[in-house]
Amino acid sequence: MKIDNVSPIRGKKVLFKPVSFTISNGEIVVLMGPSGIGKSSFIETISGSLKHTGNISKKIDHFSVFQDTEQLFPWMTILDNLKLSNPKANWKKYSENLKLSHKLQNYPHECSVGQRQRLTLLRAIHSGRSVLLCDEPLSGVDKDTAYKICKEFLVYVKKTKKKVLWVTHNHEEAKLLGKVIVLK
């Protein structure tokens, strides 16, 4: 995926200095910058929701993960939620790798915030989509849990050759995950 001189446009305003980068298979590019600069707007731009400067290589087959943990339908079990993104995936096996297979028959409210975030990222990884757009997906978890999730996520990204655009304010998280781009 190639991003060439891209910046979101809101109204007639270009939000920040345009950026250029490429995300290869199995790679995570991390966006950082001050609050309000337009990091989330950049995610919207890549997903095709906002006008922008520059060029994005092609229409992107993406899966979005947001900063809250409420991306799972509360009236459905965890397994049923996971099946929405890919009914054919071996969710039992994938959740065993995260030591969460015992939660598949639970409802989201019966899982901790960290468990819901790991399950949401697991769903994204195995969604069948080639690009993952992650907008501060770990903002609701503690530092130690976030570190563990990042390590697990890195393994999955490399294994599945996903292209990931990740937004965070956490410098440690950014350094751990991949190439960092600071928006100005």
C-alpha atoms as a PDB file:
ATOM      1  CA  MET A   1       0.000   0.000   0.000  1.00  0.00           C
ATOM      2  CA  LYS A   2       1.499   3.296  -1.083  1.00  0.00           C
ATOM      3  CA  ILE A   3       0.573   6.681   0.387  1.00  0.00           C
ATOM      4  CA  ASP A   4       1.930   9.606  -1.644  1.00  0.00           C
ATOM      5  CA  ASN A   5       1.663  13.187  -0.268  1.00  0.00           C
ATOM      6  CA  VAL A   6      -1.619  12.463   1.512  1.00  0.00           C
ATOM      7  CA  SER A   7      -3.337  14.699   4.061  1.00  0.00           C
ATOM      8  CA  PRO A   8      -7.042  14.724   4.948  1.00  0.00           C
ATOM      9  CA  ILE A   9      -9.122  17.731   3.917  1.00  0.00           C
ATOM     10  CA  ARG A  10     -11.954  18.972   6.155  1.00  0.00           C
ATOM     11  CA  GLY A  11     -13.966  21.702   4.478  1.00  0.00           C
ATOM     12  CA  LYS A  12     -11.221  23.501   2.573  1.00  0.00           C
ATOM     13  CA  LYS A  13      -8.541  22.937   5.214  1.00  0.00           C
ATOM     14  CA  VAL A  14      -5.615  20.541   4.722  1.00  0.00           C
ATOM     15  CA  LEU A  15      -5.139  19.108   8.224  1.00  0.00           C
ATOM     16  CA  PHE A  16      -1.368  18.583   8.306  1.00  0.00           C
ATOM     17  CA  LYS A  17       1.747  18.500   6.163  1.00  0.00           C
ATOM     18  CA  PRO A  18       1.156  15.710   3.611  1.00  0.00           C
ATOM     19  CA  VAL A  19       2.961  12.428   4.272  1.00  0.00           C
ATOM     20  CA  SER A  20       4.284   9.700   2.027  1.00  0.00           C
ATOM     21  CA  PHE A  21       5.067   6.113   2.968  1.00  0.00           C
ATOM     22  CA  THR A  22       4.599   2.525   1.918  1.00  0.00           C
ATOM     23  CA  ILE A  23       3.287  -0.332   4.027  1.00  0.00           C
ATOM     24  CA  SER A  24       4.574  -3.741   2.958  1.00  0.00           C
ATOM     25  CA  ASN A  25       3.099  -7.142   3.762  1.00  0.00           C
ATOM     26  CA  GLY A  26       3.684  -8.021   7.416  1.00  0.00           C
ATOM     27  CA  GLU A  27       4.511  -4.434   8.341  1.00  0.00           C
ATOM     28  CA  ILE A  28       3.051  -1.945  10.810  1.00  0.00           C
ATOM     29  CA  VAL A  29       3.350   1.798  10.267  1.00  0.00           C
ATOM     30  CA  VAL A  30       2.556   3.862  13.352  1.00  0.00           C
ATOM     31  CA  LEU A  31       1.149   7.395  13.199  1.00  0.00           C
ATOM     32  CA  MET A  32       1.823   9.748  16.068  1.00  0.00           C
ATOM     33  CA  GLY A  33       1.214  13.443  16.606  1.00  0.00           C
ATOM     34  CA  PRO A  34      -0.447  15.908  18.936  1.00  0.00           C
ATOM     35  CA  SER A  35      -4.112  15.535  19.854  1.00  0.00           C
ATOM     36  CA  GLY A  36      -6.389  17.099  17.278  1.00  0.00           C
ATOM     37  CA  ILE A  37      -3.899  17.083  14.395  1.00  0.00           C
ATOM     38  CA  GLY A  38      -5.958  14.596  12.378  1.00  0.00           C
ATOM     39  CA  LYS A  39      -4.637  11.101  13.067  1.00  0.00           C
ATOM     40  CA  SER A  40      -8.154   9.641  13.201  1.00  0.00           C
ATOM     41  CA  SER A  41      -9.071  11.704  10.140  1.00  0.00           C
ATOM     42  CA  PHE A  42      -6.113  10.100   8.353  1.00  0.00           C
ATOM     43  CA  ILE A  43      -7.547   6.658   9.154  1.00  0.00           C
ATOM     44  CA  GLU A  44     -10.898   7.849   7.731  1.00  0.00           C
ATOM     45  CA  THR A  45      -9.087   9.100   4.632  1.00  0.00           C
ATOM     46  CA  ILE A  46      -7.374   5.767   4.029  1.00  0.00           C
ATOM     47  CA  SER A  47     -10.721   4.001   4.450  1.00  0.00           C
ATOM     48  CA  GLY A  48     -12.176   6.225   1.723  1.00  0.00           C
ATOM     49  CA  SER A  49     -14.398   8.420   3.909  1.00  0.00           C
ATOM     50  CA  LEU A  50     -12.647  11.799   3.516  1.00  0.00           C
ATOM     51  CA  LYS A  51     -11.284  13.920   0.697  1.00  0.00           C
ATOM     52  CA  HIS A  52      -7.518  14.226   0.665  1.00  0.00           C
ATOM     53  CA  THR A  53      -4.456  15.592  -1.059  1.00  0.00           C
ATOM     54  CA  GLY A  54      -2.129  13.249  -2.930  1.00  0.00           C
ATOM     55  CA  ASN A  55      -2.666   9.649  -3.915  1.00  0.00           C
ATOM     56  CA  ILE A  56      -3.483   6.376  -2.211  1.00  0.00           C
ATOM     57  CA  SER A  57      -2.269   3.400  -4.252  1.00  0.00           C
ATOM     58  CA  LYS A  58      -5.638   1.712  -4.715  1.00  0.00           C
ATOM     59  CA  LYS A  59      -8.993   0.999  -3.134  1.00  0.00           C
ATOM     60  CA  ILE A  60      -8.131  -0.603   0.157  1.00  0.00           C
ATOM     61  CA  ASP A  61      -9.766  -3.792   1.394  1.00  0.00           C
ATOM     62  CA  HIS A  62      -9.604  -2.900   5.090  1.00  0.00           C
ATOM     63  CA  PHE A  63     -10.842  -3.765   8.555  1.00  0.00           C
ATOM     64  CA  SER A  64     -11.017  -0.973  11.137  1.00  0.00           C
ATOM     65  CA  VAL A  65     -10.330  -1.319  14.856  1.00  0.00           C
ATOM     66  CA  PHE A  66     -11.269   1.665  17.004  1.00  0.00           C
ATOM     67  CA  GLN A  67     -10.163   2.973  20.371  1.00  0.00           C
ATOM     68  CA  ASP A  68     -13.122   1.668  22.305  1.00  0.00           C
ATOM     69  CA  THR A  69     -13.819  -1.918  23.276  1.00  0.00           C
ATOM     70  CA  GLU A  70     -17.435  -1.808  22.229  1.00  0.00           C
ATOM     71  CA  GLN A  71     -16.932  -3.232  18.748  1.00  0.00           C
ATOM     72  CA  LEU A  72     -18.429  -6.519  19.836  1.00  0.00           C
ATOM     73  CA  PHE A  73     -22.215  -6.868  19.772  1.00  0.00           C
ATOM     74  CA  PRO A  74     -23.327  -7.316  23.404  1.00  0.00           C
ATOM     75  CA  TRP A  75     -26.227  -9.662  22.587  1.00  0.00           C
ATOM     76  CA  MET A  76     -23.968 -12.135  20.771  1.00  0.00           C
ATOM     77  CA  THR A  77     -21.413 -14.547  22.203  1.00  0.00           C
ATOM     78  CA  ILE A  78     -17.740 -13.872  21.539  1.00  0.00           C
ATOM     79  CA  LEU A  79     -17.685 -16.718  19.008  1.00  0.00           C
ATOM     80  CA  ASP A  80     -20.705 -15.350  17.145  1.00  0.00           C
ATOM     81  CA  ASN A  81     -19.049 -11.906  17.065  1.00  0.00           C
ATOM     82  CA  LEU A  82     -15.856 -13.382  15.645  1.00  0.00           C
ATOM     83  CA  LYS A  83     -17.759 -15.342  13.010  1.00  0.00           C
ATOM     84  CA  LEU A  84     -19.242 -12.103  11.647  1.00  0.00           C
ATOM     85  CA  SER A  85     -15.884 -11.145  10.137  1.00  0.00           C
ATOM     86  CA  ASN A  86     -14.985 -14.623   8.866  1.00  0.00           C
ATOM     87  CA  PRO A  87     -17.442 -17.503   9.340  1.00  0.00           C
ATOM     88  CA  LYS A  88     -14.924 -20.073   8.057  1.00  0.00           C
ATOM     89  CA  ALA A  89     -11.990 -19.176  10.340  1.00  0.00           C
ATOM     90  CA  ASN A  90     -10.859 -21.637  12.998  1.00  0.00           C
ATOM     91  CA  TRP A  91     -11.704 -19.317  15.907  1.00  0.00           C
ATOM     92  CA  LYS A  92     -11.142 -22.018  18.532  1.00  0.00           C
ATOM     93  CA  LYS A  93      -7.546 -22.517  17.391  1.00  0.00           C
ATOM     94  CA  TYR A  94      -6.850 -18.785  17.036  1.00  0.00           C
ATOM     95  CA  SER A  95      -8.295 -17.977  20.448  1.00  0.00           C
ATOM     96  CA  GLU A  96      -6.281 -20.829  22.030  1.00  0.00           C
ATOM     97  CA  ASN A  97      -3.102 -19.048  20.916  1.00  0.00           C
ATOM     98  CA  LEU A  98      -4.214 -16.071  23.024  1.00  0.00           C
ATOM     99  CA  LYS A  99      -5.389 -18.284  25.890  1.00  0.00           C
ATOM    100  CA  LEU A 100      -8.941 -17.035  25.332  1.00  0.00           C
ATOM    101  CA  SER A 101     -10.721 -20.103  23.954  1.00  0.00           C
ATOM    102  CA  HIS A 102     -12.539 -20.489  27.284  1.00  0.00           C
ATOM    103  CA  LYS A 103     -14.259 -17.129  26.550  1.00  0.00           C
ATOM    104  CA  LEU A 104     -15.822 -18.094  23.193  1.00  0.00           C
ATOM    105  CA  GLN A 105     -19.240 -18.883  24.685  1.00  0.00           C
ATOM    106  CA  ASN A 106     -19.205 -15.796  26.911  1.00  0.00           C
ATOM    107  CA  TYR A 107     -20.816 -12.466  26.110  1.00  0.00           C
ATOM    108  CA  PRO A 108     -18.623  -9.359  25.790  1.00  0.00           C
ATOM    109  CA  HIS A 109     -19.618  -7.997  29.217  1.00  0.00           C
ATOM    110  CA  GLU A 110     -18.243 -11.205  30.743  1.00  0.00           C
ATOM    111  CA  CYS A 111     -14.745 -10.406  29.447  1.00  0.00           C
ATOM    112  CA  SER A 112     -12.243  -7.847  30.699  1.00  0.00           C
ATOM    113  CA  VAL A 113     -11.335  -4.788  28.628  1.00  0.00           C
ATOM    114  CA  GLY A 114      -7.992  -6.397  27.708  1.00  0.00           C
ATOM    115  CA  GLN A 115      -9.702  -9.623  26.634  1.00  0.00           C
ATOM    116  CA  ARG A 116     -12.189  -7.706  24.467  1.00  0.00           C
ATOM    117  CA  GLN A 117      -9.364  -5.747  22.837  1.00  0.00           C
ATOM    118  CA  ARG A 118      -7.369  -8.902  22.090  1.00  0.00           C
ATOM    119  CA  LEU A 119     -10.479 -10.553  20.654  1.00  0.00           C
ATOM    120  CA  THR A 120     -11.239  -7.474  18.541  1.00  0.00           C
ATOM    121  CA  LEU A 121      -7.677  -7.466  17.167  1.00  0.00           C
ATOM    122  CA  LEU A 122      -7.878 -11.238  16.628  1.00  0.00           C
ATOM    123  CA  ARG A 123     -11.077 -10.722  14.635  1.00  0.00           C
ATOM    124  CA  ALA A 124      -9.322  -8.075  12.538  1.00  0.00           C
ATOM    125  CA  ILE A 125      -6.284 -10.271  11.850  1.00  0.00           C
ATOM    126  CA  HIS A 126      -8.415 -13.177  10.637  1.00  0.00           C
ATOM    127  CA  SER A 127     -11.060 -11.094   8.871  1.00  0.00           C
ATOM    128  CA  GLY A 128      -9.682 -11.927   5.454  1.00  0.00           C
ATOM    129  CA  ARG A 129      -8.906  -8.239   4.840  1.00  0.00           C
ATOM    130  CA  SER A 130      -5.409  -7.294   3.704  1.00  0.00           C
ATOM    131  CA  VAL A 131      -5.194  -3.939   5.516  1.00  0.00           C
ATOM    132  CA  LEU A 132      -5.938  -3.188   9.165  1.00  0.00           C
ATOM    133  CA  LEU A 133      -6.625   0.392  10.236  1.00  0.00           C
ATOM    134  CA  CYS A 134      -6.156   0.599  14.006  1.00  0.00           C
ATOM    135  CA  ASP A 135      -7.080   3.863  15.717  1.00  0.00           C
ATOM    136  CA  GLU A 136      -5.689   3.719  19.274  1.00  0.00           C
ATOM    137  CA  PRO A 137      -7.017   0.210  19.862  1.00  0.00           C
ATOM    138  CA  LEU A 138      -5.182  -0.158  23.188  1.00  0.00           C
ATOM    139  CA  SER A 139      -6.127   3.150  24.802  1.00  0.00           C
ATOM    140  CA  GLY A 140      -8.411   1.409  27.303  1.00  0.00           C
ATOM    141  CA  VAL A 141      -5.914  -1.111  28.687  1.00  0.00           C
ATOM    142  CA  ASP A 142      -3.078  -0.856  31.192  1.00  0.00           C
ATOM    143  CA  LYS A 143       0.565  -0.593  30.125  1.00  0.00           C
ATOM    144  CA  ASP A 144       1.504  -4.241  30.846  1.00  0.00           C
ATOM    145  CA  THR A 145      -1.537  -5.620  29.022  1.00  0.00           C
ATOM    146  CA  ALA A 146      -0.929  -3.269  26.082  1.00  0.00           C
ATOM    147  CA  TYR A 147       2.684  -4.478  25.837  1.00  0.00           C
ATOM    148  CA  LYS A 148       1.567  -8.119  25.826  1.00  0.00           C
ATOM    149  CA  ILE A 149      -1.110  -7.464  23.199  1.00  0.00           C
ATOM    150  CA  CYS A 150       1.406  -5.608  21.000  1.00  0.00           C
ATOM    151  CA  LYS A 151       3.850  -8.534  21.149  1.00  0.00           C
ATOM    152  CA  GLU A 152       1.079 -10.993  20.219  1.00  0.00           C
ATOM    153  CA  PHE A 153      -0.187  -8.688  17.473  1.00  0.00           C
ATOM    154  CA  LEU A 154       3.284  -8.355  15.915  1.00  0.00           C
ATOM    155  CA  VAL A 155       3.552 -12.122  15.587  1.00  0.00           C
ATOM    156  CA  TYR A 156       0.142 -12.340  13.904  1.00  0.00           C
ATOM    157  CA  VAL A 157       0.862  -9.460  11.510  1.00  0.00           C
ATOM    158  CA  LYS A 158       4.111 -11.026  10.334  1.00  0.00           C
ATOM    159  CA  LYS A 159       2.551 -14.491  10.075  1.00  0.00           C
ATOM    160  CA  THR A 160      -0.511 -13.332   8.125  1.00  0.00           C
ATOM    161  CA  LYS A 161       1.372 -10.661   6.108  1.00  0.00           C
ATOM    162  CA  LYS A 162      -1.172  -7.953   6.934  1.00  0.00           C
ATOM    163  CA  LYS A 163      -0.502  -4.295   6.241  1.00  0.00           C
ATOM    164  CA  VAL A 164      -1.291  -2.247   9.345  1.00  0.00           C
ATOM    165  CA  LEU A 165      -1.705   1.471   9.937  1.00  0.00           C
ATOM    166  CA  TRP A 166      -1.730   2.015  13.726  1.00  0.00           C
ATOM    167  CA  VAL A 167      -2.477   5.286  15.546  1.00  0.00           C
ATOM    168  CA  THR A 168      -1.226   5.804  19.104  1.00  0.00           C
ATOM    169  CA  HIS A 169      -0.043   8.429  21.600  1.00  0.00           C
ATOM    170  CA  ASN A 170       2.077   5.845  23.411  1.00  0.00           C
ATOM    171  CA  HIS A 171       5.782   6.169  22.459  1.00  0.00           C
ATOM    172  CA  GLU A 172       6.733   2.733  23.836  1.00  0.00           C
ATOM    173  CA  GLU A 173       3.908   1.074  21.918  1.00  0.00           C
ATOM    174  CA  ALA A 174       4.959   2.904  18.732  1.00  0.00           C
ATOM    175  CA  LYS A 175       8.635   1.879  19.010  1.00  0.00           C
ATOM    176  CA  LEU A 176       7.665  -1.732  19.643  1.00  0.00           C
ATOM    177  CA  LEU A 177       5.268  -2.009  16.692  1.00  0.00           C
ATOM    178  CA  GLY A 178       7.073  -0.562  13.708  1.00  0.00           C
ATOM    179  CA  LYS A 179       8.064   2.388  11.607  1.00  0.00           C
ATOM    180  CA  VAL A 180       6.886   5.647  13.228  1.00  0.00           C
ATOM    181  CA  ILE A 181       5.622   8.679  11.314  1.00  0.00           C
ATOM    182  CA  VAL A 182       5.049  11.869  13.276  1.00  0.00           C
ATOM    183  CA  LEU A 183       2.389  14.166  11.812  1.00  0.00           C
ATOM    184  CA  LYS A 184       3.076  17.916  11.860  1.00  0.00           C
END
